[in-house]
Amino acid sequence: MPSIRANTLIVAASIFLLAAIALGSASLAKPKTLLAQKGDGLAAWQQVYSVLTSPRCINCHTASNYPEQGDNRSRHFANVVRGPGGTGVAGFRCVTCHQKENADSTGVPGGKNWHLAPLSMKWQDLNDRPLSSVDVCRAIIDRARNGGLNGAALLKHHTEEPLVLWAWSPGRRVDGSMRTLPPLTHDEFVAATKQWVDAGMPCPK
């Protein structure tokens, strides 16, 4: 009987020890997993940022009273101005020239509801320099500035918004050459956005 009792105590102690080790390992592993997920999210954000600050996007996310054009991001010709709603002014609306599709014969780009992004979503300063990754990230996650979009809505916006999609089908310039594309494919951009959103939308410090 004593030996049976001793063996029982040894087995119970062993089970307790193994459980304690497993619990300790899990508690140690969890922060590392979260840290790794945040790191992956930050890396994904940098990919997203590279697209947002490319000419196809930033030309309509200006800090000024006018849109920009071209890879050199020059001021829009003909003194086009933003207007109160980002759609131009009476008699000179964006849609006057920018139709629902690109006009490759004239070099005028087009897309559904062509307009400037609101100033709350500006991605450059008044000297036409792109804002830092930190500043753009903080702006895009601020629902008071981004139109009330949460992570899922931001992902949907990047996936489906016609003017976002236009960046990967921007048509031809006046000289007939193709406009340059963002540094990622649209699929890569959406995948990076999703990874960033799934990681909790972390921003660089």
N, C-alpha and C. Protein backbone atom coordinates (compact mmCIF):
# COMPACT_ATOMS: atom_id res chain seq x y z
N MET A 1 0.81 -1.22 0.00
CA MET A 1 0.00 0.00 0.00
C MET A 1 0.85 1.28 0.00
N PRO A 2 1.88 1.33 0.86
CA PRO A 2 2.71 2.54 0.85
C PRO A 2 3.32 2.80 -0.52
N SER A 3 3.78 1.73 -1.21
CA SER A 3 4.41 1.93 -2.51
C SER A 3 3.41 2.43 -3.54
N ILE A 4 2.18 1.90 -3.47
CA ILE A 4 1.13 2.35 -4.41
C ILE A 4 0.83 3.82 -4.19
N ARG A 5 0.73 4.18 -2.87
CA ARG A 5 0.45 5.57 -2.55
C ARG A 5 1.59 6.47 -3.02
N ALA A 6 2.81 6.01 -2.86
CA ALA A 6 3.96 6.81 -3.28
C ALA A 6 3.96 6.99 -4.79
N ASN A 7 3.68 5.90 -5.51
CA ASN A 7 3.63 5.99 -6.98
C ASN A 7 2.54 6.95 -7.43
N THR A 8 1.41 6.88 -6.72
CA THR A 8 0.29 7.77 -7.07
C THR A 8 0.69 9.22 -6.88
N LEU A 9 1.40 9.50 -5.77
CA LEU A 9 1.85 10.86 -5.51
C LEU A 9 2.86 11.33 -6.55
N ILE A 10 3.73 10.41 -6.96
CA ILE A 10 4.73 10.76 -7.99
C ILE A 10 4.05 11.11 -9.31
N VAL A 11 3.08 10.27 -9.70
CA VAL A 11 2.35 10.52 -10.96
C VAL A 11 1.62 11.86 -10.90
N ALA A 12 0.95 12.11 -9.75
CA ALA A 12 0.20 13.36 -9.60
C ALA A 12 1.13 14.56 -9.66
N ALA A 13 2.28 14.42 -9.00
CA ALA A 13 3.25 15.52 -9.02
C ALA A 13 3.79 15.76 -10.42
N SER A 14 4.01 14.68 -11.15
CA SER A 14 4.52 14.80 -12.51
C SER A 14 3.49 15.51 -13.41
N ILE A 15 2.22 15.12 -13.27
CA ILE A 15 1.17 15.75 -14.06
C ILE A 15 1.07 17.24 -13.73
N PHE A 16 1.15 17.59 -12.45
CA PHE A 16 1.10 18.98 -12.02
C PHE A 16 2.27 19.77 -12.60
N LEU A 17 3.46 19.16 -12.58
CA LEU A 17 4.65 19.81 -13.09
C LEU A 17 4.53 20.06 -14.58
N LEU A 18 4.07 19.03 -15.32
CA LEU A 18 3.91 19.19 -16.76
C LEU A 18 2.88 20.28 -17.09
N ALA A 19 1.79 20.30 -16.33
CA ALA A 19 0.77 21.32 -16.56
C ALA A 19 1.32 22.71 -16.29
N ALA A 20 2.12 22.84 -15.23
CA ALA A 20 2.71 24.14 -14.90
C ALA A 20 3.67 24.61 -15.99
N ILE A 21 4.47 23.65 -16.50
CA ILE A 21 5.41 23.98 -17.57
C ILE A 21 4.65 24.42 -18.82
N ALA A 22 3.59 23.68 -19.16
CA ALA A 22 2.80 24.02 -20.35
C ALA A 22 2.16 25.38 -20.21
N LEU A 23 1.61 25.66 -19.01
CA LEU A 23 0.98 26.96 -18.78
C LEU A 23 2.00 28.09 -18.86
N GLY A 24 3.16 27.84 -18.28
CA GLY A 24 4.20 28.86 -18.33
C GLY A 24 4.68 29.11 -19.73
N SER A 25 4.81 28.04 -20.52
CA SER A 25 5.25 28.19 -21.91
C SER A 25 4.23 28.97 -22.71
N ALA A 26 2.94 28.68 -22.47
CA ALA A 26 1.89 29.38 -23.21
C ALA A 26 1.88 30.86 -22.88
N SER A 27 2.08 31.18 -21.58
CA SER A 27 2.06 32.59 -21.17
C SER A 27 3.26 33.33 -21.71
N LEU A 28 4.38 32.63 -21.87
CA LEU A 28 5.56 33.26 -22.44
C LEU A 28 5.43 33.41 -23.95
N ALA A 29 4.81 32.44 -24.60
CA ALA A 29 4.71 32.45 -26.06
C ALA A 29 3.72 33.49 -26.55
N LYS A 30 2.65 33.74 -25.76
CA LYS A 30 1.60 34.63 -26.23
C LYS A 30 2.10 36.04 -26.53
N PRO A 31 2.86 36.70 -25.60
CA PRO A 31 3.36 38.03 -25.93
C PRO A 31 4.24 38.03 -27.17
N LYS A 32 5.04 36.99 -27.36
CA LYS A 32 5.89 36.93 -28.54
C LYS A 32 5.05 36.86 -29.81
N THR A 33 3.95 36.10 -29.75
CA THR A 33 3.07 35.99 -30.91
C THR A 33 2.45 37.34 -31.23
N LEU A 34 1.97 38.04 -30.20
CA LEU A 34 1.37 39.35 -30.40
C LEU A 34 2.40 40.34 -30.92
N LEU A 35 3.62 40.27 -30.39
CA LEU A 35 4.68 41.16 -30.84
C LEU A 35 5.03 40.89 -32.29
N ALA A 36 5.09 39.60 -32.64
CA ALA A 36 5.39 39.25 -34.03
C ALA A 36 4.28 39.70 -34.95
N GLN A 37 3.01 39.57 -34.50
CA GLN A 37 1.88 40.00 -35.31
C GLN A 37 1.93 41.51 -35.53
N LYS A 38 2.27 42.26 -34.50
CA LYS A 38 2.39 43.71 -34.64
C LYS A 38 3.51 44.07 -35.62
N GLY A 39 4.63 43.34 -35.51
CA GLY A 39 5.74 43.58 -36.43
C GLY A 39 5.35 43.33 -37.87
N ASP A 40 4.61 42.24 -38.08
CA ASP A 40 4.13 41.94 -39.43
C ASP A 40 3.14 43.01 -39.90
N GLY A 41 2.32 43.49 -38.97
CA GLY A 41 1.37 44.54 -39.31
C GLY A 41 2.06 45.84 -39.70
N LEU A 42 3.12 46.18 -38.97
CA LEU A 42 3.88 47.40 -39.30
C LEU A 42 4.56 47.28 -40.65
N ALA A 43 5.09 46.09 -40.94
CA ALA A 43 5.72 45.86 -42.24
C ALA A 43 4.68 45.98 -43.36
N ALA A 44 3.49 45.44 -43.10
CA ALA A 44 2.41 45.53 -44.09
C ALA A 44 1.99 46.98 -44.28
N TRP A 45 1.94 47.76 -43.19
CA TRP A 45 1.58 49.17 -43.31
C TRP A 45 2.57 49.91 -44.21
N GLN A 46 3.85 49.62 -44.09
CA GLN A 46 4.83 50.31 -44.93
C GLN A 46 4.57 50.03 -46.41
N GLN A 47 4.07 48.83 -46.72
CA GLN A 47 3.71 48.53 -48.09
C GLN A 47 2.50 49.37 -48.51
N VAL A 48 1.52 49.45 -47.62
CA VAL A 48 0.34 50.27 -47.90
C VAL A 48 0.76 51.73 -48.11
N TYR A 49 1.62 52.22 -47.25
CA TYR A 49 2.09 53.61 -47.32
C TYR A 49 2.79 53.89 -48.65
N SER A 50 3.53 52.92 -49.15
CA SER A 50 4.24 53.13 -50.42
C SER A 50 3.28 53.37 -51.57
N VAL A 51 2.09 52.78 -51.48
CA VAL A 51 1.07 52.99 -52.52
C VAL A 51 0.38 54.33 -52.31
N LEU A 52 0.00 54.62 -51.07
CA LEU A 52 -0.74 55.85 -50.79
C LEU A 52 0.04 57.10 -51.16
N THR A 53 1.35 57.03 -51.08
CA THR A 53 2.18 58.20 -51.39
C THR A 53 2.77 58.15 -52.79
N SER A 54 2.30 57.21 -53.61
CA SER A 54 2.71 57.19 -55.02
C SER A 54 1.90 58.24 -55.77
N PRO A 55 2.39 58.74 -56.91
CA PRO A 55 1.68 59.80 -57.63
C PRO A 55 0.23 59.50 -57.95
N ARG A 56 -0.09 58.23 -58.27
CA ARG A 56 -1.47 57.90 -58.64
C ARG A 56 -2.44 58.17 -57.49
N CYS A 57 -1.96 58.15 -56.27
CA CYS A 57 -2.84 58.40 -55.12
C CYS A 57 -2.66 59.80 -54.54
N ILE A 58 -1.41 60.17 -54.31
CA ILE A 58 -1.16 61.41 -53.58
C ILE A 58 -1.53 62.65 -54.38
N ASN A 59 -1.61 62.54 -55.71
CA ASN A 59 -1.98 63.70 -56.53
C ASN A 59 -3.37 64.23 -56.21
N CYS A 60 -4.23 63.37 -55.66
CA CYS A 60 -5.57 63.81 -55.27
C CYS A 60 -5.73 63.86 -53.75
N HIS A 61 -4.66 63.61 -53.02
CA HIS A 61 -4.66 63.73 -51.56
C HIS A 61 -3.74 64.88 -51.18
N THR A 62 -4.03 66.04 -51.73
CA THR A 62 -3.15 67.20 -51.54
C THR A 62 -3.52 67.98 -50.29
N ALA A 63 -2.59 68.86 -49.89
CA ALA A 63 -2.84 69.76 -48.76
C ALA A 63 -3.18 71.15 -49.26
N SER A 64 -3.25 71.29 -50.57
CA SER A 64 -3.45 72.60 -51.19
C SER A 64 -4.88 72.76 -51.70
N ASN A 65 -5.11 73.87 -52.37
CA ASN A 65 -6.43 74.18 -52.92
C ASN A 65 -6.58 73.66 -54.36
N TYR A 66 -5.70 72.78 -54.77
CA TYR A 66 -5.75 72.29 -56.15
C TYR A 66 -5.20 70.87 -56.23
N PRO A 67 -5.61 70.13 -57.25
CA PRO A 67 -5.04 68.80 -57.48
C PRO A 67 -3.68 68.91 -58.16
N GLU A 68 -2.98 67.80 -58.17
CA GLU A 68 -1.70 67.74 -58.89
C GLU A 68 -1.79 66.69 -59.98
N GLN A 69 -0.82 66.69 -60.87
CA GLN A 69 -0.84 65.74 -61.98
C GLN A 69 0.57 65.32 -62.36
N GLY A 70 0.66 64.15 -62.98
CA GLY A 70 1.94 63.65 -63.43
C GLY A 70 2.78 63.04 -62.34
N ASP A 71 3.81 62.31 -62.76
CA ASP A 71 4.70 61.68 -61.78
C ASP A 71 5.52 62.72 -61.01
N ASN A 72 5.66 63.93 -61.59
CA ASN A 72 6.40 64.98 -60.89
C ASN A 72 5.48 65.79 -59.98
N ARG A 73 4.19 65.41 -59.96
CA ARG A 73 3.20 66.01 -59.07
C ARG A 73 3.16 67.52 -59.21
N SER A 74 3.07 67.98 -60.44
CA SER A 74 2.97 69.42 -60.70
C SER A 74 1.53 69.88 -60.52
N ARG A 75 1.36 71.17 -60.37
CA ARG A 75 0.01 71.72 -60.20
C ARG A 75 -0.82 71.43 -61.45
N HIS A 76 -2.08 71.10 -61.23
CA HIS A 76 -3.01 70.83 -62.33
C HIS A 76 -3.07 72.03 -63.25
N PHE A 77 -3.00 71.80 -64.54
CA PHE A 77 -3.01 72.91 -65.49
C PHE A 77 -4.38 73.61 -65.47
N ALA A 78 -4.43 74.80 -66.04
CA ALA A 78 -5.65 75.61 -66.17
C ALA A 78 -6.15 76.15 -64.83
N ASN A 79 -5.25 76.14 -63.84
CA ASN A 79 -5.61 76.69 -62.52
C ASN A 79 -6.87 76.06 -61.93
N VAL A 80 -7.01 74.78 -62.10
CA VAL A 80 -8.12 74.05 -61.49
C VAL A 80 -8.00 74.17 -59.97
N VAL A 81 -9.12 74.40 -59.30
CA VAL A 81 -9.11 74.53 -57.84
C VAL A 81 -10.04 73.50 -57.20
N ARG A 82 -9.82 73.29 -55.92
CA ARG A 82 -10.52 72.27 -55.15
C ARG A 82 -12.02 72.50 -55.08
N GLY A 83 -12.43 73.72 -54.73
CA GLY A 83 -13.84 74.00 -54.51
C GLY A 83 -14.29 73.52 -53.15
N PRO A 84 -15.48 73.92 -52.72
CA PRO A 84 -15.94 73.60 -51.36
C PRO A 84 -16.12 72.10 -51.08
N GLY A 85 -16.43 71.32 -52.09
CA GLY A 85 -16.66 69.89 -51.87
C GLY A 85 -15.61 69.00 -52.48
N GLY A 86 -14.50 69.59 -52.92
CA GLY A 86 -13.44 68.81 -53.55
C GLY A 86 -13.77 68.38 -54.97
N THR A 87 -14.79 68.99 -55.56
CA THR A 87 -15.22 68.60 -56.91
C THR A 87 -15.08 69.74 -57.91
N GLY A 88 -14.32 70.76 -57.56
CA GLY A 88 -14.17 71.92 -58.43
C GLY A 88 -15.17 73.01 -58.07
N VAL A 89 -15.30 73.97 -58.95
CA VAL A 89 -16.21 75.10 -58.72
C VAL A 89 -17.24 75.17 -59.84
N ALA A 90 -18.27 75.95 -59.62
CA ALA A 90 -19.33 76.08 -60.62
C ALA A 90 -18.76 76.48 -61.97
N GLY A 91 -19.15 75.74 -62.99
CA GLY A 91 -18.66 76.00 -64.33
C GLY A 91 -17.34 75.34 -64.65
N PHE A 92 -16.71 74.76 -63.61
CA PHE A 92 -15.41 74.11 -63.83
C PHE A 92 -15.27 72.94 -62.87
N ARG A 93 -16.25 72.04 -62.92
CA ARG A 93 -16.24 70.87 -62.08
C ARG A 93 -15.23 69.85 -62.60
N CYS A 94 -14.77 68.99 -61.68
CA CYS A 94 -13.83 67.93 -62.09
C CYS A 94 -14.43 67.08 -63.21
N VAL A 95 -15.73 66.77 -63.07
CA VAL A 95 -16.36 65.87 -64.04
C VAL A 95 -16.62 66.54 -65.39
N THR A 96 -16.35 67.84 -65.48
CA THR A 96 -16.47 68.50 -66.78
C THR A 96 -15.50 67.88 -67.77
N CYS A 97 -14.30 67.57 -67.29
CA CYS A 97 -13.29 66.96 -68.17
C CYS A 97 -13.07 65.48 -67.85
N HIS A 98 -13.14 65.13 -66.58
CA HIS A 98 -12.85 63.76 -66.15
C HIS A 98 -14.14 62.95 -66.17
N GLN A 99 -14.31 62.17 -67.21
CA GLN A 99 -15.51 61.37 -67.37
C GLN A 99 -15.40 60.07 -66.57
N LYS A 100 -16.32 59.15 -66.79
CA LYS A 100 -16.34 57.91 -66.02
C LYS A 100 -15.24 56.94 -66.42
N GLU A 101 -14.63 57.16 -67.58
CA GLU A 101 -13.54 56.31 -68.06
C GLU A 101 -12.41 57.16 -68.60
N ASN A 102 -11.22 56.58 -68.68
CA ASN A 102 -10.09 57.29 -69.27
C ASN A 102 -10.38 57.63 -70.73
N ALA A 103 -9.95 58.83 -71.12
CA ALA A 103 -10.04 59.23 -72.52
C ALA A 103 -8.63 59.18 -73.10
N ASP A 104 -8.22 58.00 -73.54
CA ASP A 104 -6.84 57.83 -74.00
C ASP A 104 -6.53 58.66 -75.24
N SER A 105 -7.55 59.03 -76.01
CA SER A 105 -7.32 59.82 -77.23
C SER A 105 -6.87 61.24 -76.89
N THR A 106 -7.25 61.71 -75.69
CA THR A 106 -6.86 63.07 -75.28
C THR A 106 -5.89 63.07 -74.11
N GLY A 107 -5.73 61.92 -73.47
CA GLY A 107 -4.83 61.85 -72.32
C GLY A 107 -5.47 62.28 -71.01
N VAL A 108 -6.79 62.48 -71.02
CA VAL A 108 -7.47 62.89 -69.79
C VAL A 108 -7.92 61.65 -69.03
N PRO A 109 -7.46 61.48 -67.80
CA PRO A 109 -7.88 60.31 -67.02
C PRO A 109 -9.33 60.45 -66.57
N GLY A 110 -9.95 59.32 -66.27
CA GLY A 110 -11.33 59.38 -65.83
C GLY A 110 -11.69 58.22 -64.92
N GLY A 111 -12.68 58.45 -64.10
CA GLY A 111 -13.18 57.42 -63.19
C GLY A 111 -14.47 57.91 -62.56
N LYS A 112 -15.23 57.01 -62.00
CA LYS A 112 -16.52 57.35 -61.41
C LYS A 112 -16.36 58.36 -60.27
N ASN A 113 -17.14 59.45 -60.35
CA ASN A 113 -17.17 60.47 -59.29
C ASN A 113 -15.79 61.05 -59.02
N TRP A 114 -15.13 61.52 -60.05
CA TRP A 114 -13.78 62.08 -59.94
C TRP A 114 -13.79 63.29 -59.01
N HIS A 115 -12.93 63.29 -58.01
CA HIS A 115 -12.88 64.39 -57.06
C HIS A 115 -11.61 64.30 -56.22
N LEU A 116 -11.34 65.37 -55.49
CA LEU A 116 -10.21 65.39 -54.57
C LEU A 116 -10.61 64.77 -53.23
N ALA A 117 -9.65 64.15 -52.57
CA ALA A 117 -9.88 63.68 -51.21
C ALA A 117 -10.02 64.89 -50.29
N PRO A 118 -10.76 64.77 -49.20
CA PRO A 118 -10.88 65.90 -48.27
C PRO A 118 -9.54 66.26 -47.64
N LEU A 119 -9.43 67.49 -47.21
CA LEU A 119 -8.18 67.94 -46.60
C LEU A 119 -7.81 67.15 -45.36
N SER A 120 -8.80 66.56 -44.71
CA SER A 120 -8.50 65.72 -43.54
C SER A 120 -7.71 64.48 -43.93
N MET A 121 -7.74 64.13 -45.22
CA MET A 121 -7.01 62.99 -45.73
C MET A 121 -5.83 63.42 -46.61
N LYS A 122 -5.28 64.59 -46.31
CA LYS A 122 -4.10 65.05 -47.05
C LYS A 122 -2.91 64.18 -46.67
N TRP A 123 -2.11 63.83 -47.68
CA TRP A 123 -0.94 62.98 -47.45
C TRP A 123 0.36 63.68 -47.85
N GLN A 124 0.29 64.99 -47.93
CA GLN A 124 1.50 65.78 -48.18
C GLN A 124 1.35 67.11 -47.46
N ASP A 125 2.47 67.82 -47.30
CA ASP A 125 2.41 69.12 -46.63
C ASP A 125 2.27 70.22 -47.67
N LEU A 126 2.27 71.46 -47.23
CA LEU A 126 2.05 72.59 -48.14
C LEU A 126 3.24 72.83 -49.06
N ASN A 127 4.36 72.14 -48.80
CA ASN A 127 5.52 72.22 -49.69
C ASN A 127 5.58 71.01 -50.63
N ASP A 128 4.46 70.29 -50.73
CA ASP A 128 4.32 69.13 -51.62
C ASP A 128 5.20 67.95 -51.22
N ARG A 129 5.65 67.93 -49.98
CA ARG A 129 6.43 66.78 -49.52
C ARG A 129 5.49 65.77 -48.87
N PRO A 130 5.63 64.49 -49.21
CA PRO A 130 4.76 63.48 -48.59
C PRO A 130 4.89 63.50 -47.08
N LEU A 131 3.77 63.37 -46.39
CA LEU A 131 3.82 63.27 -44.93
C LEU A 131 4.50 61.97 -44.54
N SER A 132 4.98 61.93 -43.32
CA SER A 132 5.67 60.74 -42.84
C SER A 132 4.70 59.57 -42.75
N SER A 133 5.27 58.38 -42.68
CA SER A 133 4.47 57.18 -42.51
C SER A 133 3.63 57.27 -41.24
N VAL A 134 4.19 57.84 -40.19
CA VAL A 134 3.48 57.99 -38.92
C VAL A 134 2.24 58.87 -39.10
N ASP A 135 2.42 60.02 -39.76
CA ASP A 135 1.32 60.98 -39.90
C ASP A 135 0.21 60.45 -40.80
N VAL A 136 0.58 59.78 -41.88
CA VAL A 136 -0.44 59.23 -42.77
C VAL A 136 -1.21 58.12 -42.06
N CYS A 137 -0.50 57.29 -41.33
CA CYS A 137 -1.14 56.20 -40.58
C CYS A 137 -2.12 56.75 -39.56
N ARG A 138 -1.69 57.74 -38.81
CA ARG A 138 -2.57 58.31 -37.79
C ARG A 138 -3.82 58.93 -38.41
N ALA A 139 -3.66 59.53 -39.57
CA ALA A 139 -4.81 60.14 -40.25
C ALA A 139 -5.79 59.07 -40.73
N ILE A 140 -5.25 58.01 -41.30
CA ILE A 140 -6.13 57.03 -41.94
C ILE A 140 -6.88 56.17 -40.92
N ILE A 141 -6.37 56.08 -39.69
CA ILE A 141 -7.09 55.29 -38.68
C ILE A 141 -8.00 56.17 -37.82
N ASP A 142 -7.93 57.48 -38.00
CA ASP A 142 -8.73 58.41 -37.21
C ASP A 142 -10.12 58.54 -37.83
N ARG A 143 -11.12 57.94 -37.20
CA ARG A 143 -12.45 57.91 -37.79
C ARG A 143 -13.10 59.28 -37.83
N ALA A 144 -12.55 60.24 -37.08
CA ALA A 144 -13.04 61.61 -37.15
C ALA A 144 -12.54 62.29 -38.43
N ARG A 145 -11.51 61.73 -39.03
CA ARG A 145 -10.94 62.32 -40.24
C ARG A 145 -11.17 61.48 -41.49
N ASN A 146 -11.39 60.17 -41.32
CA ASN A 146 -11.44 59.28 -42.49
C ASN A 146 -12.85 58.94 -42.96
N GLY A 147 -13.82 59.72 -42.48
CA GLY A 147 -15.20 59.46 -42.90
C GLY A 147 -15.89 58.39 -42.06
N GLY A 148 -15.33 58.11 -40.88
CA GLY A 148 -15.95 57.15 -39.98
C GLY A 148 -15.66 55.70 -40.31
N LEU A 149 -14.61 55.43 -41.10
CA LEU A 149 -14.31 54.06 -41.52
C LEU A 149 -13.53 53.30 -40.45
N ASN A 150 -14.01 52.10 -40.12
CA ASN A 150 -13.24 51.21 -39.25
C ASN A 150 -12.32 50.33 -40.12
N GLY A 151 -11.65 49.39 -39.50
CA GLY A 151 -10.71 48.57 -40.26
C GLY A 151 -11.35 47.83 -41.41
N ALA A 152 -12.50 47.21 -41.16
CA ALA A 152 -13.19 46.45 -42.21
C ALA A 152 -13.61 47.36 -43.35
N ALA A 153 -14.06 48.57 -43.01
CA ALA A 153 -14.49 49.51 -44.05
C ALA A 153 -13.30 50.05 -44.84
N LEU A 154 -12.17 50.23 -44.18
CA LEU A 154 -10.95 50.65 -44.89
C LEU A 154 -10.52 49.59 -45.88
N LEU A 155 -10.58 48.34 -45.44
CA LEU A 155 -10.23 47.24 -46.35
C LEU A 155 -11.17 47.20 -47.54
N LYS A 156 -12.45 47.38 -47.30
CA LYS A 156 -13.44 47.41 -48.38
C LYS A 156 -13.16 48.57 -49.33
N HIS A 157 -12.82 49.72 -48.76
CA HIS A 157 -12.50 50.91 -49.57
C HIS A 157 -11.31 50.63 -50.48
N HIS A 158 -10.26 50.05 -49.94
CA HIS A 158 -9.08 49.74 -50.74
C HIS A 158 -9.35 48.64 -51.77
N THR A 159 -10.34 47.81 -51.49
CA THR A 159 -10.65 46.69 -52.38
C THR A 159 -11.57 47.09 -53.51
N GLU A 160 -12.56 47.96 -53.23
CA GLU A 160 -13.64 48.18 -54.17
C GLU A 160 -13.82 49.61 -54.69
N GLU A 161 -13.33 50.60 -53.97
CA GLU A 161 -13.57 52.00 -54.37
C GLU A 161 -13.07 52.26 -55.80
N PRO A 162 -13.94 52.73 -56.69
CA PRO A 162 -13.56 52.93 -58.10
C PRO A 162 -12.32 53.80 -58.30
N LEU A 163 -12.19 54.89 -57.54
CA LEU A 163 -11.03 55.76 -57.72
C LEU A 163 -9.75 55.13 -57.18
N VAL A 164 -9.87 54.22 -56.22
CA VAL A 164 -8.70 53.44 -55.79
C VAL A 164 -8.30 52.48 -56.90
N LEU A 165 -9.28 51.79 -57.45
CA LEU A 165 -9.01 50.83 -58.53
C LEU A 165 -8.41 51.53 -59.75
N TRP A 166 -8.80 52.78 -59.98
CA TRP A 166 -8.28 53.53 -61.13
C TRP A 166 -6.76 53.59 -61.12
N ALA A 167 -6.15 53.64 -59.93
CA ALA A 167 -4.69 53.78 -59.84
C ALA A 167 -3.96 52.67 -60.58
N TRP A 168 -4.60 51.51 -60.74
CA TRP A 168 -3.98 50.39 -61.46
C TRP A 168 -4.46 50.29 -62.90
N SER A 169 -5.25 51.26 -63.31
CA SER A 169 -5.68 51.33 -64.71
C SER A 169 -5.80 52.80 -65.09
N PRO A 170 -4.67 53.52 -65.03
CA PRO A 170 -4.72 54.98 -65.13
C PRO A 170 -4.71 55.54 -66.55
N GLY A 171 -4.63 54.67 -67.53
CA GLY A 171 -4.70 55.15 -68.91
C GLY A 171 -3.40 55.78 -69.41
N ARG A 172 -3.54 56.50 -70.51
CA ARG A 172 -2.38 57.07 -71.20
C ARG A 172 -2.25 58.57 -70.97
N ARG A 173 -1.00 59.02 -71.05
CA ARG A 173 -0.72 60.45 -70.98
C ARG A 173 -1.06 61.10 -72.32
N VAL A 174 -0.95 62.41 -72.36
CA VAL A 174 -1.23 63.16 -73.59
C VAL A 174 -0.34 62.69 -74.74
N ASP A 175 0.90 62.30 -74.43
CA ASP A 175 1.82 61.86 -75.47
C ASP A 175 1.60 60.40 -75.88
N GLY A 176 0.62 59.75 -75.29
CA GLY A 176 0.30 58.36 -75.65
C GLY A 176 0.99 57.31 -74.80
N SER A 177 1.94 57.71 -73.98
CA SER A 177 2.62 56.74 -73.11
C SER A 177 1.73 56.38 -71.93
N MET A 178 1.97 55.21 -71.38
CA MET A 178 1.16 54.74 -70.25
C MET A 178 1.59 55.44 -68.96
N ARG A 179 0.62 55.79 -68.14
CA ARG A 179 0.95 56.32 -66.83
C ARG A 179 1.55 55.21 -65.96
N THR A 180 2.43 55.61 -65.07
CA THR A 180 3.07 54.63 -64.19
C THR A 180 2.06 54.12 -63.16
N LEU A 181 2.33 52.93 -62.66
CA LEU A 181 1.45 52.28 -61.69
C LEU A 181 2.04 52.38 -60.28
N PRO A 182 1.24 52.16 -59.25
CA PRO A 182 1.78 52.10 -57.88
C PRO A 182 2.81 50.99 -57.75
N PRO A 183 3.62 51.02 -56.69
CA PRO A 183 4.70 50.04 -56.54
C PRO A 183 4.24 48.62 -56.23
N LEU A 184 2.98 48.42 -55.85
CA LEU A 184 2.43 47.08 -55.62
C LEU A 184 1.30 46.84 -56.61
N THR A 185 1.01 45.57 -56.89
CA THR A 185 -0.21 45.26 -57.63
C THR A 185 -1.40 45.52 -56.70
N HIS A 186 -2.59 45.59 -57.29
CA HIS A 186 -3.76 45.82 -56.44
C HIS A 186 -3.97 44.66 -55.47
N ASP A 187 -3.77 43.44 -55.94
CA ASP A 187 -3.91 42.28 -55.04
C ASP A 187 -2.94 42.36 -53.87
N GLU A 188 -1.70 42.77 -54.15
CA GLU A 188 -0.70 42.91 -53.09
C GLU A 188 -1.10 44.02 -52.12
N PHE A 189 -1.64 45.10 -52.66
CA PHE A 189 -2.08 46.23 -51.83
C PHE A 189 -3.21 45.81 -50.89
N VAL A 190 -4.17 45.08 -51.42
CA VAL A 190 -5.29 44.61 -50.60
C VAL A 190 -4.80 43.62 -49.55
N ALA A 191 -3.90 42.72 -49.94
CA ALA A 191 -3.36 41.74 -48.99
C ALA A 191 -2.60 42.44 -47.87
N ALA A 192 -1.82 43.47 -48.21
CA ALA A 192 -1.08 44.22 -47.19
C ALA A 192 -2.04 44.97 -46.27
N THR A 193 -3.09 45.54 -46.86
CA THR A 193 -4.08 46.23 -46.04
C THR A 193 -4.75 45.27 -45.07
N LYS A 194 -5.10 44.09 -45.55
CA LYS A 194 -5.75 43.10 -44.70
C LYS A 194 -4.84 42.66 -43.56
N GLN A 195 -3.57 42.42 -43.88
CA GLN A 195 -2.63 42.00 -42.84
C GLN A 195 -2.48 43.09 -41.79
N TRP A 196 -2.43 44.34 -42.24
CA TRP A 196 -2.32 45.47 -41.32
C TRP A 196 -3.58 45.58 -40.45
N VAL A 197 -4.74 45.47 -41.06
CA VAL A 197 -6.00 45.54 -40.32
C VAL A 197 -6.10 44.39 -39.31
N ASP A 198 -5.77 43.18 -39.76
CA ASP A 198 -5.84 42.01 -38.87
C ASP A 198 -4.89 42.15 -37.69
N ALA A 199 -3.81 42.90 -37.86
CA ALA A 199 -2.84 43.09 -36.77
C ALA A 199 -3.26 44.21 -35.82
N GLY A 200 -4.44 44.81 -36.09
CA GLY A 200 -4.91 45.88 -35.20
C GLY A 200 -4.60 47.27 -35.70
N MET A 201 -4.21 47.40 -36.95
CA MET A 201 -3.87 48.69 -37.57
C MET A 201 -2.80 49.46 -36.79
N PRO A 202 -1.66 48.81 -36.52
CA PRO A 202 -0.60 49.51 -35.78
C PRO A 202 0.04 50.61 -36.62
N CYS A 203 0.46 51.67 -35.97
CA CYS A 203 1.18 52.75 -36.64
C CYS A 203 2.61 52.83 -36.11
N PRO A 204 3.53 53.25 -36.96
CA PRO A 204 4.91 53.43 -36.49
C PRO A 204 4.96 54.48 -35.40
N LYS A 205 5.98 54.39 -34.56
CA LYS A 205 6.16 55.37 -33.49
C LYS A 205 6.94 56.56 -33.99
